């Protein structure tokens, strides 16, 4: 089986290539591309009938020069696609094009195995065609998946303000005024952009669910940072990232190696 990888992170390409070959050693990685432009060029040069024409494409949604959906507008994609993404709000749109599945990053082996098995069943059930039969047992029911995804991506009513106790009174603080949340000796606190400090009764795990993920990112167990608070990003030991925030923090704020790619995409979104 020929597989074409569309992914803009070099480390992710290496990891995914290794994972694919671990799952199925017969797979041939026939090409990789990191952008919409290079993907279109490769597909135009390796269409049906060419030795390197892909049987399956694994396609990241966020690429170096745009979203991979643009590829479908610029060339014919003649193979099924498994989308890979850190952002599940894109999943519904993904199923409207030539997709058989999608995987959320970080990709887990058993989920990749399930997607490849679904692809093989689809091809086996439909001969040489790539269009899934929604009525077949074991083959993806598109309508059911679309309904499920629609429920998952309904707009969320994120928290707009917190009522916090300050001295002998309660004070409303707008979430837009908050620079970052953090924990200190088991207590949840936050600092405003004006460098005022307040405590909260919610643990960070609960706060993370209340906050708009386009504005706030869980950097590690101790910090949730607001996007405009990040002033500098420095490479750190073992592929971690060190953040410089404003207002300044009392301790280092590090993003783990596992979350570094997601953080960079979040900052550049």
C-alpha atoms as a PDB file:
ATOM      1  CA  UNK A   1       0.000   0.000   0.000  1.00  0.00           C
ATOM      2  CA  UNK A   2       1.390   3.385  -1.074  1.00  0.00           C
ATOM      3  CA  UNK A   3       0.911   6.135   1.518  1.00  0.00           C
ATOM      4  CA  UNK A   4       1.465   9.868   1.006  1.00  0.00           C
ATOM      5  CA  UNK A   5       2.010  12.008   4.147  1.00  0.00           C
ATOM      6  CA  UNK A   6       1.004  15.680   4.284  1.00  0.00           C
ATOM      7  CA  UNK A   7       2.375  17.125   7.527  1.00  0.00           C
ATOM      8  CA  UNK A   8       4.291  20.338   8.251  1.00  0.00           C
ATOM      9  CA  UNK A   9       6.166  19.180  11.363  1.00  0.00           C
ATOM     10  CA  UNK A  10       9.324  17.207  10.555  1.00  0.00           C
ATOM     11  CA  UNK A  11       9.268  15.392  13.897  1.00  0.00           C
ATOM     12  CA  UNK A  12       5.633  14.424  13.348  1.00  0.00           C
ATOM     13  CA  UNK A  13       6.511  13.031   9.905  1.00  0.00           C
ATOM     14  CA  UNK A  14       9.226  10.837  11.401  1.00  0.00           C
ATOM     15  CA  UNK A  15       6.985   9.616  14.213  1.00  0.00           C
ATOM     16  CA  UNK A  16       4.043   8.905  11.931  1.00  0.00           C
ATOM     17  CA  UNK A  17       6.234   7.119   9.384  1.00  0.00           C
ATOM     18  CA  UNK A  18       7.642   4.884  12.100  1.00  0.00           C
ATOM     19  CA  UNK A  19       4.200   4.203  13.548  1.00  0.00           C
ATOM     20  CA  UNK A  20       2.796   3.281  10.134  1.00  0.00           C
ATOM     21  CA  UNK A  21       5.607   0.824   9.454  1.00  0.00           C
ATOM     22  CA  UNK A  22       5.263  -0.649  12.936  1.00  0.00           C
ATOM     23  CA  UNK A  23       1.566  -1.251  12.296  1.00  0.00           C
ATOM     24  CA  UNK A  24       2.045  -2.544   8.713  1.00  0.00           C
ATOM     25  CA  UNK A  25       5.613  -3.223   7.455  1.00  0.00           C
ATOM     26  CA  UNK A  26       4.305  -3.588   3.878  1.00  0.00           C
ATOM     27  CA  UNK A  27       3.405   0.121   3.696  1.00  0.00           C
ATOM     28  CA  UNK A  28       5.466   2.245   1.307  1.00  0.00           C
ATOM     29  CA  UNK A  29       5.813   5.942   2.191  1.00  0.00           C
ATOM     30  CA  UNK A  30       5.907   7.262  -1.378  1.00  0.00           C
ATOM     31  CA  UNK A  31       6.179  10.945  -0.526  1.00  0.00           C
ATOM     32  CA  UNK A  32       5.764  13.729   1.994  1.00  0.00           C
ATOM     33  CA  UNK A  33       4.751  17.379   1.747  1.00  0.00           C
ATOM     34  CA  UNK A  34       4.600  20.183   4.287  1.00  0.00           C
ATOM     35  CA  UNK A  35       2.380  22.758   2.571  1.00  0.00           C
ATOM     36  CA  UNK A  36      -0.679  23.168   0.377  1.00  0.00           C
ATOM     37  CA  UNK A  37       1.504  24.246  -2.546  1.00  0.00           C
ATOM     38  CA  UNK A  38       3.944  21.325  -2.340  1.00  0.00           C
ATOM     39  CA  UNK A  39       1.083  18.854  -1.799  1.00  0.00           C
ATOM     40  CA  UNK A  40      -0.711  20.030  -4.938  1.00  0.00           C
ATOM     41  CA  UNK A  41       2.523  19.824  -6.953  1.00  0.00           C
ATOM     42  CA  UNK A  42       3.248  16.294  -5.712  1.00  0.00           C
ATOM     43  CA  UNK A  43      -0.287  15.051  -6.387  1.00  0.00           C
ATOM     44  CA  UNK A  44      -0.261  16.540  -9.888  1.00  0.00           C
ATOM     45  CA  UNK A  45       2.978  14.681 -10.644  1.00  0.00           C
ATOM     46  CA  UNK A  46       1.903  11.393  -9.057  1.00  0.00           C
ATOM     47  CA  UNK A  47      -1.637  10.864 -10.222  1.00  0.00           C
ATOM     48  CA  UNK A  48      -3.418   7.624 -11.132  1.00  0.00           C
ATOM     49  CA  UNK A  49      -1.297   5.337 -13.286  1.00  0.00           C
ATOM     50  CA  UNK A  50       1.995   6.568 -11.851  1.00  0.00           C
ATOM     51  CA  UNK A  51       4.083   4.033  -9.873  1.00  0.00           C
ATOM     52  CA  UNK A  52       4.049   6.274  -6.806  1.00  0.00           C
ATOM     53  CA  UNK A  53       0.332   7.132  -6.955  1.00  0.00           C
ATOM     54  CA  UNK A  54      -0.954   6.896  -3.355  1.00  0.00           C
ATOM     55  CA  UNK A  55      -3.533   4.382  -2.225  1.00  0.00           C
ATOM     56  CA  UNK A  56      -4.071   6.386   0.957  1.00  0.00           C
ATOM     57  CA  UNK A  57      -3.226   9.896   2.140  1.00  0.00           C
ATOM     58  CA  UNK A  58      -2.672  10.969   5.748  1.00  0.00           C
ATOM     59  CA  UNK A  59      -3.238  14.703   5.806  1.00  0.00           C
ATOM     60  CA  UNK A  60      -2.680  17.211   8.607  1.00  0.00           C
ATOM     61  CA  UNK A  61      -5.290  19.974   8.545  1.00  0.00           C
ATOM     62  CA  UNK A  62      -3.070  22.908   9.572  1.00  0.00           C
ATOM     63  CA  UNK A  63      -0.155  23.278   7.131  1.00  0.00           C
ATOM     64  CA  UNK A  64       2.640  25.794   6.718  1.00  0.00           C
ATOM     65  CA  UNK A  65       0.723  27.919   4.186  1.00  0.00           C
ATOM     66  CA  UNK A  66      -2.917  27.283   5.054  1.00  0.00           C
ATOM     67  CA  UNK A  67      -5.478  24.564   5.698  1.00  0.00           C
ATOM     68  CA  UNK A  68      -5.242  21.322   3.765  1.00  0.00           C
ATOM     69  CA  UNK A  69      -8.851  21.678   2.569  1.00  0.00           C
ATOM     70  CA  UNK A  70      -7.426  24.088  -0.027  1.00  0.00           C
ATOM     71  CA  UNK A  71      -5.679  21.133  -1.704  1.00  0.00           C
ATOM     72  CA  UNK A  72      -9.069  19.776  -2.815  1.00  0.00           C
ATOM     73  CA  UNK A  73      -9.845  23.113  -4.475  1.00  0.00           C
ATOM     74  CA  UNK A  74      -6.627  23.103  -6.493  1.00  0.00           C
ATOM     75  CA  UNK A  75      -6.237  19.499  -7.654  1.00  0.00           C
ATOM     76  CA  UNK A  76      -7.996  16.144  -7.845  1.00  0.00           C
ATOM     77  CA  UNK A  77      -7.335  13.959  -4.820  1.00  0.00           C
ATOM     78  CA  UNK A  78      -7.806  10.439  -6.128  1.00  0.00           C
ATOM     79  CA  UNK A  79      -7.197   8.512  -2.909  1.00  0.00           C
ATOM     80  CA  UNK A  80      -9.003   8.259   0.424  1.00  0.00           C
ATOM     81  CA  UNK A  81      -7.811  10.605   3.146  1.00  0.00           C
ATOM     82  CA  UNK A  82      -7.307  10.112   6.854  1.00  0.00           C
ATOM     83  CA  UNK A  83      -7.110  13.562   8.408  1.00  0.00           C
ATOM     84  CA  UNK A  84      -4.836  14.180  11.382  1.00  0.00           C
ATOM     85  CA  UNK A  85      -5.497  17.180  13.572  1.00  0.00           C
ATOM     86  CA  UNK A  86      -5.134  18.695  17.001  1.00  0.00           C
ATOM     87  CA  UNK A  87      -8.343  20.648  16.460  1.00  0.00           C
ATOM     88  CA  UNK A  88     -11.458  18.493  16.421  1.00  0.00           C
ATOM     89  CA  UNK A  89     -13.658  21.423  15.333  1.00  0.00           C
ATOM     90  CA  UNK A  90     -12.338  20.801  11.820  1.00  0.00           C
ATOM     91  CA  UNK A  91     -13.496  17.189  11.796  1.00  0.00           C
ATOM     92  CA  UNK A  92     -16.979  17.852  10.440  1.00  0.00           C
ATOM     93  CA  UNK A  93     -15.640  19.724   7.426  1.00  0.00           C
ATOM     94  CA  UNK A  94     -13.109  16.954   6.872  1.00  0.00           C
ATOM     95  CA  UNK A  95     -15.846  14.373   6.292  1.00  0.00           C
ATOM     96  CA  UNK A  96     -17.372  16.506   3.520  1.00  0.00           C
ATOM     97  CA  UNK A  97     -14.368  15.833   1.284  1.00  0.00           C
ATOM     98  CA  UNK A  98     -12.711  12.572   0.271  1.00  0.00           C
ATOM     99  CA  UNK A  99     -12.152  11.312   3.809  1.00  0.00           C
ATOM    100  CA  UNK A 100     -12.599   7.918   5.397  1.00  0.00           C
ATOM    101  CA  UNK A 101     -11.574   8.889   8.912  1.00  0.00           C
ATOM    102  CA  UNK A 102      -9.771  11.381  11.112  1.00  0.00           C
ATOM    103  CA  UNK A 103      -7.298  11.036  13.980  1.00  0.00           C
ATOM    104  CA  UNK A 104      -6.700  13.462  16.811  1.00  0.00           C
ATOM    105  CA  UNK A 105      -3.096  14.175  17.774  1.00  0.00           C
ATOM    106  CA  UNK A 106      -1.111  12.804  19.466  1.00  0.00           C
ATOM    107  CA  UNK A 107      -1.911   9.770  17.321  1.00  0.00           C
ATOM    108  CA  UNK A 108      -2.166   6.532  19.259  1.00  0.00           C
ATOM    109  CA  UNK A 109      -1.180   3.203  17.744  1.00  0.00           C
ATOM    110  CA  UNK A 110      -4.518   1.463  18.339  1.00  0.00           C
ATOM    111  CA  UNK A 111      -6.417   4.366  16.742  1.00  0.00           C
ATOM    112  CA  UNK A 112      -4.163   4.297  13.682  1.00  0.00           C
ATOM    113  CA  UNK A 113      -4.632   0.533  13.420  1.00  0.00           C
ATOM    114  CA  UNK A 114      -8.403   1.001  13.520  1.00  0.00           C
ATOM    115  CA  UNK A 115      -8.295   3.650  10.764  1.00  0.00           C
ATOM    116  CA  UNK A 116      -6.136   1.484   8.507  1.00  0.00           C
ATOM    117  CA  UNK A 117      -8.429  -1.475   9.113  1.00  0.00           C
ATOM    118  CA  UNK A 118     -11.427   0.691   8.185  1.00  0.00           C
ATOM    119  CA  UNK A 119      -9.681   1.729   4.974  1.00  0.00           C
ATOM    120  CA  UNK A 120      -8.927  -1.883   4.044  1.00  0.00           C
ATOM    121  CA  UNK A 121     -12.508  -2.944   4.721  1.00  0.00           C
ATOM    122  CA  UNK A 122     -13.815  -0.085   2.604  1.00  0.00           C
ATOM    123  CA  UNK A 123     -11.602  -1.052  -0.336  1.00  0.00           C
ATOM    124  CA  UNK A 124     -12.437  -4.743   0.045  1.00  0.00           C
ATOM    125  CA  UNK A 125     -16.180  -4.115   0.225  1.00  0.00           C
ATOM    126  CA  UNK A 126     -16.209  -1.732  -2.720  1.00  0.00           C
ATOM    127  CA  UNK A 127     -13.745  -3.371  -5.054  1.00  0.00           C
ATOM    128  CA  UNK A 128     -11.400  -0.732  -6.439  1.00  0.00           C
ATOM    129  CA  UNK A 129     -13.645   2.203  -5.503  1.00  0.00           C
ATOM    130  CA  UNK A 130     -12.927   4.498  -2.591  1.00  0.00           C
ATOM    131  CA  UNK A 131     -16.443   5.616  -1.744  1.00  0.00           C
ATOM    132  CA  UNK A 132     -17.679   4.001   1.502  1.00  0.00           C
ATOM    133  CA  UNK A 133     -20.986   2.107   1.450  1.00  0.00           C
ATOM    134  CA  UNK A 134     -22.869   3.571   4.374  1.00  0.00           C
ATOM    135  CA  UNK A 135     -25.180   0.559   4.621  1.00  0.00           C
ATOM    136  CA  UNK A 136     -22.445  -2.077   4.964  1.00  0.00           C
ATOM    137  CA  UNK A 137     -21.745  -3.510   8.402  1.00  0.00           C
ATOM    138  CA  UNK A 138     -18.286  -2.491   9.600  1.00  0.00           C
ATOM    139  CA  UNK A 139     -17.958   0.379   7.126  1.00  0.00           C
ATOM    140  CA  UNK A 140     -18.244   3.965   8.290  1.00  0.00           C
ATOM    141  CA  UNK A 141     -21.783   5.341   8.426  1.00  0.00           C
ATOM    142  CA  UNK A 142     -21.162   8.897   7.222  1.00  0.00           C
ATOM    143  CA  UNK A 143     -24.501  10.333   8.328  1.00  0.00           C
ATOM    144  CA  UNK A 144     -24.162   8.928  11.843  1.00  0.00           C
ATOM    145  CA  UNK A 145     -20.610  10.267  12.161  1.00  0.00           C
ATOM    146  CA  UNK A 146     -21.619  13.706  10.929  1.00  0.00           C
ATOM    147  CA  UNK A 147     -24.395  13.813  13.523  1.00  0.00           C
ATOM    148  CA  UNK A 148     -22.017  12.706  16.253  1.00  0.00           C
ATOM    149  CA  UNK A 149     -19.408  15.277  15.264  1.00  0.00           C
ATOM    150  CA  UNK A 150     -22.015  18.022  15.074  1.00  0.00           C
ATOM    151  CA  UNK A 151     -22.909  17.324  18.690  1.00  0.00           C
ATOM    152  CA  UNK A 152     -19.250  17.387  19.690  1.00  0.00           C
ATOM    153  CA  UNK A 153     -18.514  20.745  18.090  1.00  0.00           C
ATOM    154  CA  UNK A 154     -21.504  22.774  19.199  1.00  0.00           C
ATOM    155  CA  UNK A 155     -20.389  26.261  20.267  1.00  0.00           C
ATOM    156  CA  UNK A 156     -19.452  26.312  23.918  1.00  0.00           C
ATOM    157  CA  UNK A 157     -20.545  29.057  26.263  1.00  0.00           C
ATOM    158  CA  UNK A 158     -17.160  29.827  27.785  1.00  0.00           C
ATOM    159  CA  UNK A 159     -16.765  31.706  31.054  1.00  0.00           C
ATOM    160  CA  UNK A 160     -16.791  35.482  30.612  1.00  0.00           C
ATOM    161  CA  UNK A 161     -16.069  36.614  34.158  1.00  0.00           C
ATOM    162  CA  UNK A 162     -15.322  35.382  37.672  1.00  0.00           C
ATOM    163  CA  UNK A 163     -16.630  36.713  40.943  1.00  0.00           C
ATOM    164  CA  UNK A 164     -13.723  36.669  43.398  1.00  0.00           C
ATOM    165  CA  UNK A 165     -13.334  37.707  47.003  1.00  0.00           C
ATOM    166  CA  UNK A 166     -10.963  40.596  47.593  1.00  0.00           C
ATOM    167  CA  UNK A 167     -10.461  41.799  51.148  1.00  0.00           C
ATOM    168  CA  UNK A 168     -13.978  42.234  52.529  1.00  0.00           C
ATOM    169  CA  UNK A 169     -15.900  42.351  49.256  1.00  0.00           C
ATOM    170  CA  UNK A 170     -16.682  40.401  46.076  1.00  0.00           C
ATOM    171  CA  UNK A 171     -15.202  41.712  42.845  1.00  0.00           C
ATOM    172  CA  UNK A 172     -16.194  40.727  39.267  1.00  0.00           C
ATOM    173  CA  UNK A 173     -13.159  40.170  37.009  1.00  0.00           C
ATOM    174  CA  UNK A 174     -13.581  39.845  33.243  1.00  0.00           C
ATOM    175  CA  UNK A 175     -11.809  36.840  31.745  1.00  0.00           C
ATOM    176  CA  UNK A 176     -10.383  39.162  29.072  1.00  0.00           C
ATOM    177  CA  UNK A 177      -8.493  40.958  31.866  1.00  0.00           C
ATOM    178  CA  UNK A 178      -6.770  37.756  33.063  1.00  0.00           C
ATOM    179  CA  UNK A 179      -3.182  37.097  31.982  1.00  0.00           C
ATOM    180  CA  UNK A 180      -2.759  33.579  33.366  1.00  0.00           C
ATOM    181  CA  UNK A 181      -4.056  31.085  35.896  1.00  0.00           C
ATOM    182  CA  UNK A 182      -1.688  29.085  38.096  1.00  0.00           C
ATOM    183  CA  UNK A 183      -1.567  26.872  41.147  1.00  0.00           C
ATOM    184  CA  UNK A 184       0.539  27.450  44.212  1.00  0.00           C
ATOM    185  CA  UNK A 185       0.627  25.010  47.127  1.00  0.00           C
ATOM    186  CA  UNK A 186      -2.688  23.522  46.066  1.00  0.00           C
ATOM    187  CA  UNK A 187      -4.436  26.889  45.666  1.00  0.00           C
ATOM    188  CA  UNK A 188      -5.661  28.194  42.289  1.00  0.00           C
ATOM    189  CA  UNK A 189      -4.834  31.811  41.544  1.00  0.00           C
ATOM    190  CA  UNK A 190      -4.693  34.187  38.614  1.00  0.00           C
ATOM    191  CA  UNK A 191      -2.976  37.417  37.691  1.00  0.00           C
ATOM    192  CA  UNK A 192      -4.561  40.140  35.615  1.00  0.00           C
ATOM    193  CA  UNK A 193      -2.795  42.069  32.884  1.00  0.00           C
ATOM    194  CA  UNK A 194      -2.560  44.858  35.464  1.00  0.00           C
ATOM    195  CA  UNK A 195      -0.600  42.427  37.693  1.00  0.00           C
ATOM    196  CA  UNK A 196      -3.309  42.041  40.322  1.00  0.00           C
ATOM    197  CA  UNK A 197      -3.450  38.672  42.080  1.00  0.00           C
ATOM    198  CA  UNK A 198      -6.640  36.829  43.066  1.00  0.00           C
ATOM    199  CA  UNK A 199      -7.513  33.345  44.278  1.00  0.00           C
ATOM    200  CA  UNK A 200     -10.232  31.005  42.990  1.00  0.00           C
ATOM    201  CA  UNK A 201     -12.054  27.984  44.348  1.00  0.00           C
ATOM    202  CA  UNK A 202     -11.798  26.024  41.066  1.00  0.00           C
ATOM    203  CA  UNK A 203      -8.911  23.622  40.375  1.00  0.00           C
ATOM    204  CA  UNK A 204      -7.009  24.194  37.121  1.00  0.00           C
ATOM    205  CA  UNK A 205      -8.518  21.071  35.539  1.00  0.00           C
ATOM    206  CA  UNK A 206     -11.991  22.598  35.881  1.00  0.00           C
ATOM    207  CA  UNK A 207     -10.838  26.052  34.839  1.00  0.00           C
ATOM    208  CA  UNK A 208      -9.359  24.644  31.643  1.00  0.00           C
ATOM    209  CA  UNK A 209     -12.821  23.437  30.576  1.00  0.00           C
ATOM    210  CA  UNK A 210     -14.380  26.844  31.313  1.00  0.00           C
ATOM    211  CA  UNK A 211     -11.958  28.827  29.139  1.00  0.00           C
ATOM    212  CA  UNK A 212     -11.966  29.473  25.397  1.00  0.00           C
ATOM    213  CA  UNK A 213      -9.149  27.290  23.954  1.00  0.00           C
ATOM    214  CA  UNK A 214      -8.511  29.912  21.280  1.00  0.00           C
ATOM    215  CA  UNK A 215      -7.476  32.309  24.067  1.00  0.00           C
ATOM    216  CA  UNK A 216      -6.065  30.054  26.808  1.00  0.00           C
ATOM    217  CA  UNK A 217      -3.579  27.167  26.681  1.00  0.00           C
ATOM    218  CA  UNK A 218      -2.710  24.664  29.416  1.00  0.00           C
ATOM    219  CA  UNK A 219       1.081  24.967  29.345  1.00  0.00           C
ATOM    220  CA  UNK A 220       1.655  22.452  32.143  1.00  0.00           C
ATOM    221  CA  UNK A 221       0.107  21.269  35.410  1.00  0.00           C
ATOM    222  CA  UNK A 222       0.672  24.633  37.055  1.00  0.00           C
ATOM    223  CA  UNK A 223      -0.120  27.229  34.362  1.00  0.00           C
ATOM    224  CA  UNK A 224      -2.896  28.158  31.954  1.00  0.00           C
ATOM    225  CA  UNK A 225      -1.726  31.114  29.861  1.00  0.00           C
ATOM    226  CA  UNK A 226      -3.605  33.691  27.819  1.00  0.00           C
ATOM    227  CA  UNK A 227      -2.321  34.113  24.266  1.00  0.00           C
ATOM    228  CA  UNK A 228      -1.466  37.831  24.497  1.00  0.00           C
ATOM    229  CA  UNK A 229       0.482  37.225  27.707  1.00  0.00           C
ATOM    230  CA  UNK A 230       3.243  35.264  25.941  1.00  0.00           C
ATOM    231  CA  UNK A 231       6.066  37.701  25.231  1.00  0.00           C
ATOM    232  CA  UNK A 232       8.901  35.330  24.328  1.00  0.00           C
ATOM    233  CA  UNK A 233       9.314  31.616  23.529  1.00  0.00           C
ATOM    234  CA  UNK A 234      12.718  29.990  24.043  1.00  0.00           C
ATOM    235  CA  UNK A 235      13.916  26.473  23.183  1.00  0.00           C
ATOM    236  CA  UNK A 236      14.637  24.539  26.346  1.00  0.00           C
ATOM    237  CA  UNK A 237      16.295  21.292  27.368  1.00  0.00           C
ATOM    238  CA  UNK A 238      14.796  18.044  26.014  1.00  0.00           C
ATOM    239  CA  UNK A 239      12.701  19.835  23.334  1.00  0.00           C
ATOM    240  CA  UNK A 240      10.639  21.751  25.875  1.00  0.00           C
ATOM    241  CA  UNK A 241       9.736  25.412  25.476  1.00  0.00           C
ATOM    242  CA  UNK A 242      10.339  28.159  28.027  1.00  0.00           C
ATOM    243  CA  UNK A 243       7.778  30.967  28.100  1.00  0.00           C
ATOM    244  CA  UNK A 244       8.339  34.541  29.184  1.00  0.00           C
ATOM    245  CA  UNK A 245       5.025  36.022  30.287  1.00  0.00           C
ATOM    246  CA  UNK A 246       3.835  39.510  31.102  1.00  0.00           C
ATOM    247  CA  UNK A 247       3.281  40.071  33.984  1.00  0.00           C
ATOM    248  CA  UNK A 248       6.385  38.116  34.952  1.00  0.00           C
ATOM    249  CA  UNK A 249       5.970  34.877  36.890  1.00  0.00           C
ATOM    250  CA  UNK A 250       7.786  33.870  40.063  1.00  0.00           C
ATOM    251  CA  UNK A 251       8.938  30.595  38.513  1.00  0.00           C
ATOM    252  CA  UNK A 252       9.771  29.211  35.077  1.00  0.00           C
ATOM    253  CA  UNK A 253       6.861  28.358  32.800  1.00  0.00           C
ATOM    254  CA  UNK A 254       7.754  25.354  30.646  1.00  0.00           C
ATOM    255  CA  UNK A 255       5.764  23.634  27.909  1.00  0.00           C
ATOM    256  CA  UNK A 256       6.478  19.919  27.754  1.00  0.00           C
ATOM    257  CA  UNK A 257       7.961  18.246  24.695  1.00  0.00           C
ATOM    258  CA  UNK A 258       4.656  16.445  24.092  1.00  0.00           C
ATOM    259  CA  UNK A 259       2.686  19.723  24.077  1.00  0.00           C
ATOM    260  CA  UNK A 260       5.240  21.895  22.270  1.00  0.00           C
ATOM    261  CA  UNK A 261       3.873  21.264  18.767  1.00  0.00           C
ATOM    262  CA  UNK A 262       0.293  21.966  19.859  1.00  0.00           C
ATOM    263  CA  UNK A 263       1.448  25.147  21.599  1.00  0.00           C
ATOM    264  CA  UNK A 264       3.234  26.457  18.506  1.00  0.00           C
ATOM    265  CA  UNK A 265       0.168  25.782  16.363  1.00  0.00           C
ATOM    266  CA  UNK A 266      -2.018  27.504  18.956  1.00  0.00           C
ATOM    267  CA  UNK A 267       0.220  30.580  18.935  1.00  0.00           C
ATOM    268  CA  UNK A 268       0.265  30.722  15.138  1.00  0.00           C
ATOM    269  CA  UNK A 269      -3.409  29.966  14.528  1.00  0.00           C
END
